[in-house]
Amino acid sequence: MEPAVAVVIEDDETVGRLLDRALRGNGYRSSWYRTGWAGLAGARREQAEVVLLDLGLPDVDGVDLARSLRAELPELLIIMLTARGEEIDVVSGLDAGADDYLVKPFSLTVLLARLRAHLRRRPAPDAGLPVTIADLTLDTAARRCSVAGSEVVLRPKEYDLLETLVLNSGSAVSREELMARVWDENWFGSTKTLDVTIASLRSRLQAAGEHAGAARLPTVATLRGHGYRLDPPDG
């Protein structure tokens, strides 16, 4: 899965640079613009999926810019960042098309968690279509897994883990990202439950492959110190 394309529209150099670095450091393809019209052009050109929009811009009111962004990019996730904290400002921003609203100063951890939560709720462009890797097939609409045509019964968290890895096939997925996607973005407990669920998932897939007669299945590789990766079978 390609990283989400994010655009930061913020005229304050310190805040803008901080947001841009935080997004890049968390797997987003980020671009930073200091004016509203440049940000609009950038979001349009790059087909942005996320815009972090400051309301106090030097060339255009952020609320008006949000309306333009929403009109041109209906699927865009818009999060407004502003020092304006009055209820009327929040309502105006949301009415203009913003999906969320954070008042400065805000926590980067909270911002990133909200981004993950919003993006997770949005269907992927191919949502609902079966995904096949060798002899493994996931019917994402029905939440069913099959190996060589035979259904494999998975627990809910096992399925969620497998789907996340399949949709990111060949790419490393961090432990933190898996915990956020499958359990909760605010999970602060032990990640041992992740290891146990991965082990159970591997066991079920191995048993299904053997039952099907040496089926060709992807493997779940452990990336020590980072997370996991789903590798397609050789050949």
Protein backbone atom coordinates (compact mmCIF):
# COMPACT_ATOMS: atom_id res chain seq x y z
CA MET A 1 0.00 0.00 0.00
CA GLU A 2 1.35 3.40 -0.97
CA PRO A 3 1.88 5.92 1.85
CA ALA A 4 -0.83 8.54 2.25
CA VAL A 5 -0.12 11.86 0.52
CA ALA A 6 -0.29 14.74 2.99
CA VAL A 7 -0.12 18.50 2.46
CA VAL A 8 0.63 20.97 5.25
CA ILE A 9 -0.63 24.53 4.70
CA GLU A 10 0.94 26.59 7.48
CA ASP A 11 2.70 29.97 7.31
CA ASP A 12 4.50 29.65 10.67
CA GLU A 13 7.93 28.22 9.86
CA THR A 14 8.44 26.46 13.18
CA VAL A 15 5.02 24.79 13.18
CA GLY A 16 5.13 23.97 9.48
CA ARG A 17 8.56 22.35 9.65
CA LEU A 18 7.57 20.38 12.77
CA LEU A 19 4.40 19.03 11.13
CA ASP A 20 6.19 18.16 7.89
CA ARG A 21 8.91 16.23 9.73
CA ALA A 22 6.40 14.44 11.96
CA LEU A 23 4.37 13.29 8.95
CA ARG A 24 7.44 12.10 7.05
CA GLY A 25 8.68 10.31 10.16
CA ASN A 26 5.37 8.45 10.41
CA GLY A 27 5.24 7.18 6.85
CA TYR A 28 3.36 9.95 5.02
CA ARG A 29 4.48 11.58 1.76
CA SER A 30 4.37 15.16 2.96
CA SER A 31 4.69 18.57 1.30
CA TRP A 32 4.62 21.89 3.13
CA TYR A 33 3.28 25.18 1.75
CA ARG A 34 3.37 28.58 3.45
CA THR A 35 0.44 30.19 1.62
CA GLY A 36 -3.11 29.07 0.98
CA TRP A 37 -3.13 29.32 -2.80
CA ALA A 38 0.17 27.47 -3.10
CA GLY A 39 -1.22 24.78 -0.80
CA LEU A 40 -4.39 24.46 -2.87
CA ALA A 41 -2.34 24.09 -6.06
CA GLY A 42 -0.08 21.53 -4.34
CA ALA A 43 -3.01 19.49 -3.03
CA ARG A 44 -4.59 19.50 -6.47
CA ARG A 45 -1.34 18.58 -8.25
CA GLU A 46 -0.35 15.83 -5.81
CA GLN A 47 -3.90 14.45 -5.39
CA ALA A 48 -3.54 14.85 -1.63
CA GLU A 49 -5.40 12.52 0.72
CA VAL A 50 -4.76 14.62 3.85
CA VAL A 51 -4.49 18.38 4.37
CA LEU A 52 -3.46 19.99 7.65
CA LEU A 53 -4.79 23.50 7.26
CA ASP A 54 -3.95 26.55 9.34
CA LEU A 55 -6.78 29.10 9.41
CA GLY A 56 -4.57 32.18 9.86
CA LEU A 57 -2.95 32.33 6.42
CA PRO A 58 -1.45 35.48 4.89
CA ASP A 59 -3.25 35.36 1.52
CA VAL A 60 -6.65 33.72 2.08
CA ASP A 61 -8.98 32.88 4.95
CA GLY A 62 -8.60 29.23 5.94
CA VAL A 63 -12.36 28.66 6.06
CA ASP A 64 -12.74 29.84 2.45
CA LEU A 65 -9.80 27.68 1.45
CA ALA A 66 -11.39 24.65 3.13
CA ARG A 67 -14.49 25.17 0.99
CA SER A 68 -12.37 25.27 -2.17
CA LEU A 69 -10.45 22.14 -1.16
CA ARG A 70 -13.66 20.27 -0.38
CA ALA A 71 -15.23 21.29 -3.70
CA GLU A 72 -12.22 20.18 -5.75
CA LEU A 73 -11.22 17.08 -3.73
CA PRO A 74 -14.39 15.62 -2.18
CA GLU A 75 -12.60 12.62 -0.61
CA LEU A 76 -9.90 14.75 1.02
CA LEU A 77 -9.36 14.50 4.79
CA ILE A 78 -9.11 18.08 6.10
CA ILE A 79 -7.92 18.79 9.63
CA MET A 80 -7.91 22.44 10.66
CA LEU A 81 -5.17 23.72 12.97
CA THR A 82 -5.73 27.11 14.54
CA ALA A 83 -5.39 29.32 17.57
CA ARG A 84 -9.08 30.18 17.28
CA GLY A 85 -10.83 28.12 19.94
CA GLU A 86 -14.27 29.72 20.16
CA GLU A 87 -17.25 27.48 19.44
CA ILE A 88 -18.33 29.64 16.50
CA ASP A 89 -14.92 29.14 14.88
CA VAL A 90 -15.14 25.38 15.31
CA VAL A 91 -18.63 25.29 13.81
CA SER A 92 -17.58 27.51 10.87
CA GLY A 93 -14.61 25.26 10.13
CA LEU A 94 -16.65 22.08 10.22
CA ASP A 95 -19.43 23.62 8.15
CA ALA A 96 -16.83 24.62 5.55
CA GLY A 97 -15.91 20.97 5.07
CA ALA A 98 -13.26 20.19 7.68
CA ASP A 99 -13.30 16.66 9.11
CA ASP A 100 -11.62 17.60 12.38
CA TYR A 101 -10.37 20.63 14.29
CA LEU A 102 -7.38 21.01 16.64
CA VAL A 103 -6.70 24.14 18.65
CA LYS A 104 -3.09 25.26 19.06
CA PRO A 105 -1.05 24.32 20.97
CA PHE A 106 -1.84 20.65 20.34
CA SER A 107 -0.08 17.35 20.90
CA LEU A 108 1.60 15.73 17.89
CA THR A 109 0.73 12.35 19.37
CA VAL A 110 -2.96 13.26 19.43
CA LEU A 111 -2.81 14.69 15.89
CA LEU A 112 -1.19 11.53 14.48
CA ALA A 113 -3.67 9.32 16.35
CA ARG A 114 -6.60 11.26 14.91
CA LEU A 115 -5.13 10.99 11.41
CA ARG A 116 -4.82 7.22 11.78
CA ALA A 117 -8.36 6.94 13.09
CA HIS A 118 -9.84 9.01 10.25
CA LEU A 119 -7.88 7.19 7.54
CA ARG A 120 -8.73 3.79 8.98
CA ARG A 121 -12.45 4.55 8.72
CA ARG A 122 -12.16 5.51 5.06
CA PRO A 123 -12.59 2.68 2.55
CA ALA A 124 -9.63 2.01 0.29
CA PRO A 125 -10.21 2.61 -3.45
CA ASP A 126 -10.47 -1.18 -3.96
CA ALA A 127 -12.36 -1.83 -0.72
CA GLY A 128 -14.57 -4.88 -0.93
CA LEU A 129 -12.65 -6.57 -3.75
CA PRO A 130 -11.08 -9.99 -3.10
CA VAL A 131 -7.29 -9.91 -2.76
CA THR A 132 -5.30 -12.97 -3.88
CA ILE A 133 -1.64 -13.76 -3.22
CA ALA A 134 -0.69 -17.19 -4.61
CA ASP A 135 -3.16 -19.66 -2.99
CA LEU A 136 -4.34 -17.23 -0.30
CA THR A 137 -7.49 -15.18 -0.94
CA LEU A 138 -9.13 -12.57 1.28
CA ASP A 139 -12.69 -11.50 0.60
CA THR A 140 -12.48 -8.14 2.35
CA ALA A 141 -16.19 -7.40 1.95
CA ALA A 142 -17.26 -10.67 3.63
CA ARG A 143 -14.18 -10.82 5.91
CA ARG A 144 -13.42 -14.36 4.75
CA CYS A 145 -10.09 -16.06 4.23
CA SER A 146 -9.52 -19.07 1.98
CA VAL A 147 -6.55 -21.22 1.04
CA ALA A 148 -6.69 -22.99 -2.32
CA GLY A 149 -10.45 -22.48 -2.36
CA SER A 150 -11.14 -23.81 1.14
CA GLU A 151 -12.27 -21.38 3.83
CA VAL A 152 -10.00 -20.84 6.84
CA VAL A 153 -11.79 -19.82 10.04
CA LEU A 154 -9.93 -16.97 11.76
CA ARG A 155 -10.61 -15.11 14.97
CA PRO A 156 -11.54 -11.43 14.39
CA LYS A 157 -8.13 -10.06 15.42
CA GLU A 158 -6.33 -12.72 13.36
CA TYR A 159 -8.32 -11.67 10.31
CA ASP A 160 -7.69 -7.97 10.97
CA LEU A 161 -3.94 -8.60 11.26
CA LEU A 162 -3.85 -10.70 8.10
CA GLU A 163 -5.85 -8.13 6.14
CA THR A 164 -3.52 -5.32 7.24
CA LEU A 165 -0.45 -7.34 6.23
CA VAL A 166 -2.00 -8.46 2.92
CA LEU A 167 -2.95 -4.91 1.95
CA ASN A 168 0.65 -3.90 2.71
CA SER A 169 2.17 -7.00 1.10
CA GLY A 170 5.94 -6.71 0.68
CA SER A 171 6.15 -3.65 2.94
CA ALA A 172 7.29 -3.48 6.56
CA VAL A 173 4.51 -2.70 9.04
CA SER A 174 5.61 -1.52 12.47
CA ARG A 175 4.34 -3.01 15.71
CA GLU A 176 2.87 0.38 16.61
CA GLU A 177 0.95 0.61 13.34
CA LEU A 178 -0.43 -2.92 13.73
CA MET A 179 -1.51 -2.22 17.30
CA ALA A 180 -3.18 1.03 16.23
CA ARG A 181 -5.00 -0.53 13.28
CA VAL A 182 -6.07 -3.81 14.86
CA TRP A 183 -6.55 -2.88 18.51
CA ASP A 184 -6.71 0.85 19.24
CA GLU A 185 -4.73 3.98 18.36
CA ASN A 186 -4.50 4.80 22.07
CA TRP A 187 -3.17 1.37 23.10
CA PHE A 188 -0.43 1.84 25.71
CA GLY A 189 -0.24 -1.68 27.13
CA SER A 190 2.01 -4.60 26.32
CA THR A 191 2.32 -5.61 22.67
CA LYS A 192 2.74 -9.27 23.67
CA THR A 193 -0.84 -9.84 22.52
CA LEU A 194 0.35 -8.95 18.99
CA ASP A 195 3.03 -11.66 19.06
CA VAL A 196 0.58 -14.25 20.35
CA THR A 197 -1.98 -13.41 17.66
CA ILE A 198 0.69 -13.50 14.92
CA ALA A 199 1.83 -16.94 16.12
CA SER A 200 -1.76 -18.22 16.07
CA LEU A 201 -2.31 -16.77 12.58
CA ARG A 202 0.85 -18.45 11.26
CA SER A 203 -0.27 -21.77 12.74
CA ARG A 204 -3.70 -21.60 11.16
CA LEU A 205 -2.32 -20.71 7.73
CA GLN A 206 0.29 -23.46 7.91
CA ALA A 207 -2.34 -26.05 8.84
CA ALA A 208 -4.62 -24.86 6.03
CA GLY A 209 -1.74 -25.05 3.54
CA GLU A 210 -0.86 -28.59 4.57
CA HIS A 211 -4.51 -29.63 4.42
CA ALA A 212 -4.77 -28.24 0.89
CA GLY A 213 -1.73 -30.23 -0.21
CA ALA A 214 1.34 -28.02 -0.03
CA ALA A 215 -0.45 -24.84 -1.06
CA ARG A 216 1.70 -21.84 -2.01
CA LEU A 217 1.20 -19.26 0.72
CA PRO A 218 2.83 -15.96 1.68
CA THR A 219 4.85 -15.96 4.89
CA VAL A 220 4.71 -13.53 7.81
CA ALA A 221 8.30 -12.40 8.37
CA THR A 222 9.40 -11.01 11.74
CA LEU A 223 11.40 -7.77 11.51
CA ARG A 224 13.18 -7.61 14.84
CA GLY A 225 12.98 -4.23 16.48
CA HIS A 226 10.33 -3.05 14.02
CA GLY A 227 7.37 -5.28 13.23
CA TYR A 228 6.24 -7.69 10.52
CA ARG A 229 6.09 -8.05 6.73
CA LEU A 230 4.03 -10.36 4.50
CA ASP A 231 6.28 -11.92 1.85
CA PRO A 232 4.76 -13.60 -1.24
CA PRO A 233 6.00 -17.15 -1.89
CA ASP A 234 9.10 -17.51 -4.06
CA GLY A 235 8.36 -17.59 -7.73
